[in-house]
Amino acid sequence: GGKKVGIIGIGGLGQFGVRLAKAMGNEVYA
């Protein structure tokens, strides 16, 4: 956690990336 993470593409993969990165405690950019 504590990082800034970008997820490019909010489809089947991307929605998991957003959920996981956020649950790990990061600031998430979709």
PDB file of all heavy atoms in Angstrom:
ATOM      1  N   GLY A   1       0.806  -1.222   0.000  1.00  0.00           N
ATOM      2  CA  GLY A   1       0.000   0.000   0.000  1.00  0.00           C
ATOM      3  C   GLY A   1       0.834   1.265   0.000  1.00  0.00           C
ATOM      4  O   GLY A   1       2.073   1.261  -0.015  1.00  0.00           O
ATOM      5  N   GLY A   2       0.140   2.411  -0.016  1.00  0.00           N
ATOM      6  CA  GLY A   2       0.788   3.704   0.039  1.00  0.00           C
ATOM      7  C   GLY A   2       1.323   4.210  -1.281  1.00  0.00           C
ATOM      8  O   GLY A   2       2.041   5.215  -1.328  1.00  0.00           O
ATOM      9  N   LYS A   3       0.990   3.559  -2.400  1.00  0.00           N
ATOM     10  CA  LYS A   3       1.475   3.968  -3.711  1.00  0.00           C
ATOM     11  C   LYS A   3       0.313   4.524  -4.543  1.00  0.00           C
ATOM     12  O   LYS A   3      -0.850   4.448  -4.173  1.00  0.00           O
ATOM     13  CB  LYS A   3       2.109   2.783  -4.444  1.00  0.00           C
ATOM     14  CG  LYS A   3       3.276   2.134  -3.711  1.00  0.00           C
ATOM     15  CD  LYS A   3       4.477   3.047  -3.621  1.00  0.00           C
ATOM     16  CE  LYS A   3       5.679   2.318  -3.017  1.00  0.00           C
ATOM     17  NZ  LYS A   3       6.880   3.187  -2.938  1.00  0.00           N
ATOM     18  N   LYS A   4       0.684   5.077  -5.700  1.00  0.00           N
ATOM     19  CA  LYS A   4      -0.303   5.541  -6.667  1.00  0.00           C
ATOM     20  C   LYS A   4      -0.247   4.592  -7.871  1.00  0.00           C
ATOM     21  O   LYS A   4       0.793   4.471  -8.507  1.00  0.00           O
ATOM     22  CB  LYS A   4      -0.040   6.977  -7.074  1.00  0.00           C
ATOM     23  CG  LYS A   4      -0.271   7.977  -5.935  1.00  0.00           C
ATOM     24  CD  LYS A   4      -0.141   9.415  -6.415  1.00  0.00           C
ATOM     25  CE  LYS A   4      -0.440  10.392  -5.288  1.00  0.00           C
ATOM     26  NZ  LYS A   4      -0.379  11.812  -5.734  1.00  0.00           N
ATOM     27  N   VAL A   5      -1.367   3.939  -8.129  1.00  0.00           N
ATOM     28  CA  VAL A   5      -1.419   2.885  -9.136  1.00  0.00           C
ATOM     29  C   VAL A   5      -2.434   3.247 -10.210  1.00  0.00           C
ATOM     30  O   VAL A   5      -3.578   3.598  -9.912  1.00  0.00           O
ATOM     31  CB  VAL A   5      -1.805   1.528  -8.499  1.00  0.00           C
ATOM     32  CG1 VAL A   5      -1.883   0.440  -9.577  1.00  0.00           C
ATOM     33  CG2 VAL A   5      -0.791   1.143  -7.427  1.00  0.00           C
ATOM     34  N   GLY A   6      -2.028   3.143 -11.474  1.00  0.00           N
ATOM     35  CA  GLY A   6      -2.918   3.382 -12.596  1.00  0.00           C
ATOM     36  C   GLY A   6      -3.338   2.078 -13.239  1.00  0.00           C
ATOM     37  O   GLY A   6      -2.514   1.172 -13.416  1.00  0.00           O
ATOM     38  N   ILE A   7      -4.611   1.964 -13.585  1.00  0.00           N
ATOM     39  CA  ILE A   7      -5.138   0.796 -14.276  1.00  0.00           C
ATOM     40  C   ILE A   7      -5.708   1.270 -15.615  1.00  0.00           C
ATOM     41  O   ILE A   7      -6.680   2.038 -15.642  1.00  0.00           O
ATOM     42  CB  ILE A   7      -6.252   0.091 -13.478  1.00  0.00           C
ATOM     43  CG1 ILE A   7      -5.782  -0.227 -12.037  1.00  0.00           C
ATOM     44  CG2 ILE A   7      -6.717  -1.158 -14.209  1.00  0.00           C
ATOM     45  CD1 ILE A   7      -4.670  -1.233 -11.938  1.00  0.00           C
ATOM     46  N   ILE A   8      -5.091   0.845 -16.713  1.00  0.00           N
ATOM     47  CA  ILE A   8      -5.558   1.244 -18.041  1.00  0.00           C
ATOM     48  C   ILE A   8      -6.525   0.182 -18.568  1.00  0.00           C
ATOM     49  O   ILE A   8      -6.160  -0.993 -18.684  1.00  0.00           O
ATOM     50  CB  ILE A   8      -4.394   1.395 -19.033  1.00  0.00           C
ATOM     51  CG1 ILE A   8      -3.338   2.360 -18.502  1.00  0.00           C
ATOM     52  CG2 ILE A   8      -4.909   1.875 -20.384  1.00  0.00           C
ATOM     53  CD1 ILE A   8      -2.091   2.446 -19.365  1.00  0.00           C
ATOM     54  N   GLY A   9      -7.735   0.620 -18.879  1.00  0.00           N
ATOM     55  CA  GLY A   9      -8.747  -0.297 -19.380  1.00  0.00           C
ATOM     56  C   GLY A   9      -9.620  -0.815 -18.258  1.00  0.00           C
ATOM     57  O   GLY A   9      -9.143  -1.566 -17.400  1.00  0.00           O
ATOM     58  N   ILE A  10     -10.885  -0.420 -18.243  1.00  0.00           N
ATOM     59  CA  ILE A  10     -11.774  -0.821 -17.152  1.00  0.00           C
ATOM     60  C   ILE A  10     -12.748  -1.870 -17.676  1.00  0.00           C
ATOM     61  O   ILE A  10     -13.961  -1.657 -17.802  1.00  0.00           O
ATOM     62  CB  ILE A  10     -12.520   0.400 -16.560  1.00  0.00           C
ATOM     63  CG1 ILE A  10     -11.522   1.516 -16.264  1.00  0.00           C
ATOM     64  CG2 ILE A  10     -13.254   0.006 -15.266  1.00  0.00           C
ATOM     65  CD1 ILE A  10     -10.381   1.130 -15.335  1.00  0.00           C
ATOM     66  N   GLY A  11     -12.199  -3.023 -18.052  1.00  0.00           N
ATOM     67  CA  GLY A  11     -12.988  -4.161 -18.475  1.00  0.00           C
ATOM     68  C   GLY A  11     -12.884  -5.278 -17.455  1.00  0.00           C
ATOM     69  O   GLY A  11     -12.758  -5.035 -16.255  1.00  0.00           O
ATOM     70  N   GLY A  12     -12.912  -6.533 -17.937  1.00  0.00           N
ATOM     71  CA  GLY A  12     -12.848  -7.673 -17.027  1.00  0.00           C
ATOM     72  C   GLY A  12     -11.577  -7.722 -16.210  1.00  0.00           C
ATOM     73  O   GLY A  12     -11.595  -8.014 -15.008  1.00  0.00           O
ATOM     74  N   LEU A  13     -10.426  -7.428 -16.837  1.00  0.00           N
ATOM     75  CA  LEU A  13      -9.161  -7.367 -16.111  1.00  0.00           C
ATOM     76  C   LEU A  13      -9.072  -6.111 -15.253  1.00  0.00           C
ATOM     77  O   LEU A  13      -8.719  -6.163 -14.068  1.00  0.00           O
ATOM     78  CB  LEU A  13      -7.980  -7.383 -17.087  1.00  0.00           C
ATOM     79  CG  LEU A  13      -7.585  -8.694 -17.736  1.00  0.00           C
ATOM     80  CD1 LEU A  13      -6.476  -8.455 -18.754  1.00  0.00           C
ATOM     81  CD2 LEU A  13      -7.121  -9.692 -16.693  1.00  0.00           C
ATOM     82  N   GLY A  14      -9.399  -4.987 -15.868  1.00  0.00           N
ATOM     83  CA  GLY A  14      -9.222  -3.712 -15.186  1.00  0.00           C
ATOM     84  C   GLY A  14     -10.028  -3.575 -13.916  1.00  0.00           C
ATOM     85  O   GLY A  14      -9.544  -3.021 -12.921  1.00  0.00           O
ATOM     86  N   GLN A  15     -11.259  -4.068 -13.915  1.00  0.00           N
ATOM     87  CA  GLN A  15     -12.079  -3.944 -12.707  1.00  0.00           C
ATOM     88  C   GLN A  15     -11.440  -4.709 -11.550  1.00  0.00           C
ATOM     89  O   GLN A  15     -11.485  -4.279 -10.407  1.00  0.00           O
ATOM     90  CB  GLN A  15     -13.513  -4.422 -12.960  1.00  0.00           C
ATOM     91  CG  GLN A  15     -13.644  -5.870 -13.423  1.00  0.00           C
ATOM     92  CD  GLN A  15     -14.441  -6.748 -12.471  1.00  0.00           C
ATOM     93  OE1 GLN A  15     -14.675  -6.386 -11.329  1.00  0.00           O
ATOM     94  NE2 GLN A  15     -14.847  -7.902 -12.965  1.00  0.00           N
ATOM     95  N   PHE A  16     -10.787  -5.866 -11.845  1.00  0.00           N
ATOM     96  CA  PHE A  16     -10.069  -6.586 -10.801  1.00  0.00           C
ATOM     97  C   PHE A  16      -8.868  -5.777 -10.327  1.00  0.00           C
ATOM     98  O   PHE A  16      -8.566  -5.729  -9.133  1.00  0.00           O
ATOM     99  CB  PHE A  16      -9.601  -7.950 -11.305  1.00  0.00           C
ATOM    100  CG  PHE A  16     -10.535  -9.073 -10.993  1.00  0.00           C
ATOM    101  CD1 PHE A  16     -11.109  -9.803 -12.017  1.00  0.00           C
ATOM    102  CD2 PHE A  16     -10.849  -9.415  -9.687  1.00  0.00           C
ATOM    103  CE1 PHE A  16     -11.980 -10.844 -11.742  1.00  0.00           C
ATOM    104  CE2 PHE A  16     -11.709 -10.458  -9.400  1.00  0.00           C
ATOM    105  CZ  PHE A  16     -12.283 -11.178 -10.432  1.00  0.00           C
ATOM    106  N   GLY A  17      -8.159  -5.147 -11.273  1.00  0.00           N
ATOM    107  CA  GLY A  17      -6.997  -4.345 -10.901  1.00  0.00           C
ATOM    108  C   GLY A  17      -7.365  -3.225  -9.962  1.00  0.00           C
ATOM    109  O   GLY A  17      -6.665  -2.963  -8.965  1.00  0.00           O
ATOM    110  N   VAL A  18      -8.466  -2.542 -10.249  1.00  0.00           N
ATOM    111  CA  VAL A  18      -8.928  -1.452  -9.380  1.00  0.00           C
ATOM    112  C   VAL A  18      -9.262  -1.991  -7.994  1.00  0.00           C
ATOM    113  O   VAL A  18      -8.825  -1.434  -6.971  1.00  0.00           O
ATOM    114  CB  VAL A  18     -10.155  -0.752 -10.002  1.00  0.00           C
ATOM    115  CG1 VAL A  18     -10.778   0.223  -9.005  1.00  0.00           C
ATOM    116  CG2 VAL A  18      -9.765  -0.017 -11.281  1.00  0.00           C
ATOM    117  N   ARG A  19     -10.028  -3.067  -7.933  1.00  0.00           N
ATOM    118  CA  ARG A  19     -10.450  -3.620  -6.644  1.00  0.00           C
ATOM    119  C   ARG A  19      -9.255  -4.089  -5.814  1.00  0.00           C
ATOM    120  O   ARG A  19      -9.170  -3.842  -4.607  1.00  0.00           O
ATOM    121  CB  ARG A  19     -11.424  -4.780  -6.861  1.00  0.00           C
ATOM    122  CG  ARG A  19     -12.750  -4.393  -7.522  1.00  0.00           C
ATOM    123  CD  ARG A  19     -13.610  -5.629  -7.767  1.00  0.00           C
ATOM    124  NE  ARG A  19     -14.693  -5.374  -8.699  1.00  0.00           N
ATOM    125  CZ  ARG A  19     -15.869  -4.858  -8.370  1.00  0.00           C
ATOM    126  NH1 ARG A  19     -16.106  -4.538  -7.107  1.00  0.00           N
ATOM    127  NH2 ARG A  19     -16.799  -4.668  -9.284  1.00  0.00           N
ATOM    128  N   LEU A  20      -8.326  -4.782  -6.467  1.00  0.00           N
ATOM    129  CA  LEU A  20      -7.173  -5.319  -5.751  1.00  0.00           C
ATOM    130  C   LEU A  20      -6.241  -4.209  -5.267  1.00  0.00           C
ATOM    131  O   LEU A  20      -5.826  -4.203  -4.095  1.00  0.00           O
ATOM    132  CB  LEU A  20      -6.402  -6.275  -6.655  1.00  0.00           C
ATOM    133  CG  LEU A  20      -7.080  -7.615  -6.958  1.00  0.00           C
ATOM    134  CD1 LEU A  20      -6.399  -8.301  -8.144  1.00  0.00           C
ATOM    135  CD2 LEU A  20      -7.044  -8.526  -5.735  1.00  0.00           C
ATOM    136  N   ALA A  21      -5.903  -3.276  -6.157  1.00  0.00           N
ATOM    137  CA  ALA A  21      -4.992  -2.198  -5.778  1.00  0.00           C
ATOM    138  C   ALA A  21      -5.573  -1.365  -4.638  1.00  0.00           C
ATOM    139  O   ALA A  21      -4.843  -0.937  -3.732  1.00  0.00           O
ATOM    140  CB  ALA A  21      -4.684  -1.315  -6.984  1.00  0.00           C
ATOM    141  N   LYS A  22      -6.866  -1.121  -4.674  1.00  0.00           N
ATOM    142  CA  LYS A  22      -7.513  -0.352  -3.615  1.00  0.00           C
ATOM    143  C   LYS A  22      -7.509  -1.121  -2.299  1.00  0.00           C
ATOM    144  O   LYS A  22      -7.211  -0.565  -1.234  1.00  0.00           O
ATOM    145  CB  LYS A  22      -8.954  -0.001  -4.022  1.00  0.00           C
ATOM    146  CG  LYS A  22      -9.666   0.917  -3.026  1.00  0.00           C
ATOM    147  CD  LYS A  22      -8.965   2.260  -2.921  1.00  0.00           C
ATOM    148  CE  LYS A  22      -9.697   3.205  -1.979  1.00  0.00           C
ATOM    149  NZ  LYS A  22      -8.971   4.491  -1.826  1.00  0.00           N
ATOM    150  N   ALA A  23      -7.825  -2.411  -2.349  1.00  0.00           N
ATOM    151  CA  ALA A  23      -7.836  -3.223  -1.139  1.00  0.00           C
ATOM    152  C   ALA A  23      -6.455  -3.329  -0.508  1.00  0.00           C
ATOM    153  O   ALA A  23      -6.331  -3.534   0.704  1.00  0.00           O
ATOM    154  CB  ALA A  23      -8.368  -4.622  -1.446  1.00  0.00           C
ATOM    155  N   MET A  24      -5.409  -3.164  -1.322  1.00  0.00           N
ATOM    156  CA  MET A  24      -4.036  -3.186  -0.803  1.00  0.00           C
ATOM    157  C   MET A  24      -3.638  -1.869  -0.160  1.00  0.00           C
ATOM    158  O   MET A  24      -2.544  -1.753   0.389  1.00  0.00           O
ATOM    159  CB  MET A  24      -3.070  -3.522  -1.942  1.00  0.00           C
ATOM    160  CG  MET A  24      -3.195  -4.937  -2.458  1.00  0.00           C
ATOM    161  SD  MET A  24      -2.217  -5.188  -3.979  1.00  0.00           S
ATOM    162  CE  MET A  24      -2.534  -6.930  -4.301  1.00  0.00           C
ATOM    163  N   GLY A  25      -4.487  -0.860  -0.256  1.00  0.00           N
ATOM    164  CA  GLY A  25      -4.217   0.415   0.404  1.00  0.00           C
ATOM    165  C   GLY A  25      -3.553   1.451  -0.462  1.00  0.00           C
ATOM    166  O   GLY A  25      -2.874   2.353   0.050  1.00  0.00           O
ATOM    167  N   ASN A  26      -3.748   1.375  -1.771  1.00  0.00           N
ATOM    168  CA  ASN A  26      -3.145   2.329  -2.693  1.00  0.00           C
ATOM    169  C   ASN A  26      -4.169   3.357  -3.187  1.00  0.00           C
ATOM    170  O   ASN A  26      -5.382   3.137  -3.107  1.00  0.00           O
ATOM    171  CB  ASN A  26      -2.573   1.587  -3.900  1.00  0.00           C
ATOM    172  CG  ASN A  26      -1.492   0.600  -3.512  1.00  0.00           C
ATOM    173  OD1 ASN A  26      -0.409   0.988  -3.102  1.00  0.00           O
ATOM    174  ND2 ASN A  26      -1.802  -0.684  -3.628  1.00  0.00           N
ATOM    175  N   GLU A  27      -3.674   4.467  -3.706  1.00  0.00           N
ATOM    176  CA  GLU A  27      -4.529   5.420  -4.390  1.00  0.00           C
ATOM    177  C   GLU A  27      -4.605   4.971  -5.852  1.00  0.00           C
ATOM    178  O   GLU A  27      -3.575   4.812  -6.514  1.00  0.00           O
ATOM    179  CB  GLU A  27      -3.967   6.835  -4.294  1.00  0.00           C
ATOM    180  CG  GLU A  27      -4.868   7.889  -4.934  1.00  0.00           C
ATOM    181  CD  GLU A  27      -4.343   9.305  -4.774  1.00  0.00           C
ATOM    182  OE1 GLU A  27      -3.398   9.514  -3.971  1.00  0.00           O
ATOM    183  OE2 GLU A  27      -4.872  10.214  -5.454  1.00  0.00           O
ATOM    184  N   VAL A  28      -5.821   4.796  -6.344  1.00  0.00           N
ATOM    185  CA  VAL A  28      -6.005   4.158  -7.646  1.00  0.00           C
ATOM    186  C   VAL A  28      -6.529   5.153  -8.674  1.00  0.00           C
ATOM    187  O   VAL A  28      -7.504   5.870  -8.426  1.00  0.00           O
ATOM    188  CB  VAL A  28      -6.973   2.962  -7.537  1.00  0.00           C
ATOM    189  CG1 VAL A  28      -7.143   2.298  -8.905  1.00  0.00           C
ATOM    190  CG2 VAL A  28      -6.457   1.947  -6.518  1.00  0.00           C
ATOM    191  N   TYR A  29      -5.862   5.163  -9.834  1.00  0.00           N
ATOM    192  CA  TYR A  29      -6.268   5.963 -10.982  1.00  0.00           C
ATOM    193  C   TYR A  29      -6.804   5.008 -12.055  1.00  0.00           C
ATOM    194  O   TYR A  29      -6.044   4.192 -12.590  1.00  0.00           O
ATOM    195  CB  TYR A  29      -5.095   6.745 -11.551  1.00  0.00           C
ATOM    196  CG  TYR A  29      -4.609   7.903 -10.713  1.00  0.00           C
ATOM    197  CD1 TYR A  29      -4.024   7.694  -9.466  1.00  0.00           C
ATOM    198  CD2 TYR A  29      -4.700   9.211 -11.175  1.00  0.00           C
ATOM    199  CE1 TYR A  29      -3.555   8.758  -8.688  1.00  0.00           C
ATOM    200  CE2 TYR A  29      -4.239  10.282 -10.420  1.00  0.00           C
ATOM    201  CZ  TYR A  29      -3.676  10.039  -9.179  1.00  0.00           C
ATOM    202  OH  TYR A  29      -3.217  11.106  -8.419  1.00  0.00           O
ATOM    203  N   ALA A  30      -8.074   5.114 -12.358  1.00  0.00           N
ATOM    204  CA  ALA A  30      -8.638   4.363 -13.473  1.00  0.00           C
ATOM    205  C   ALA A  30      -8.451   5.180 -14.747  1.00  0.00           C
ATOM    206  O   ALA A  30      -8.758   6.378 -14.777  1.00  0.00           O
ATOM    207  CB  ALA A  30     -10.117   4.082 -13.239  1.00  0.00           C
TER     208      ALA A  30
END
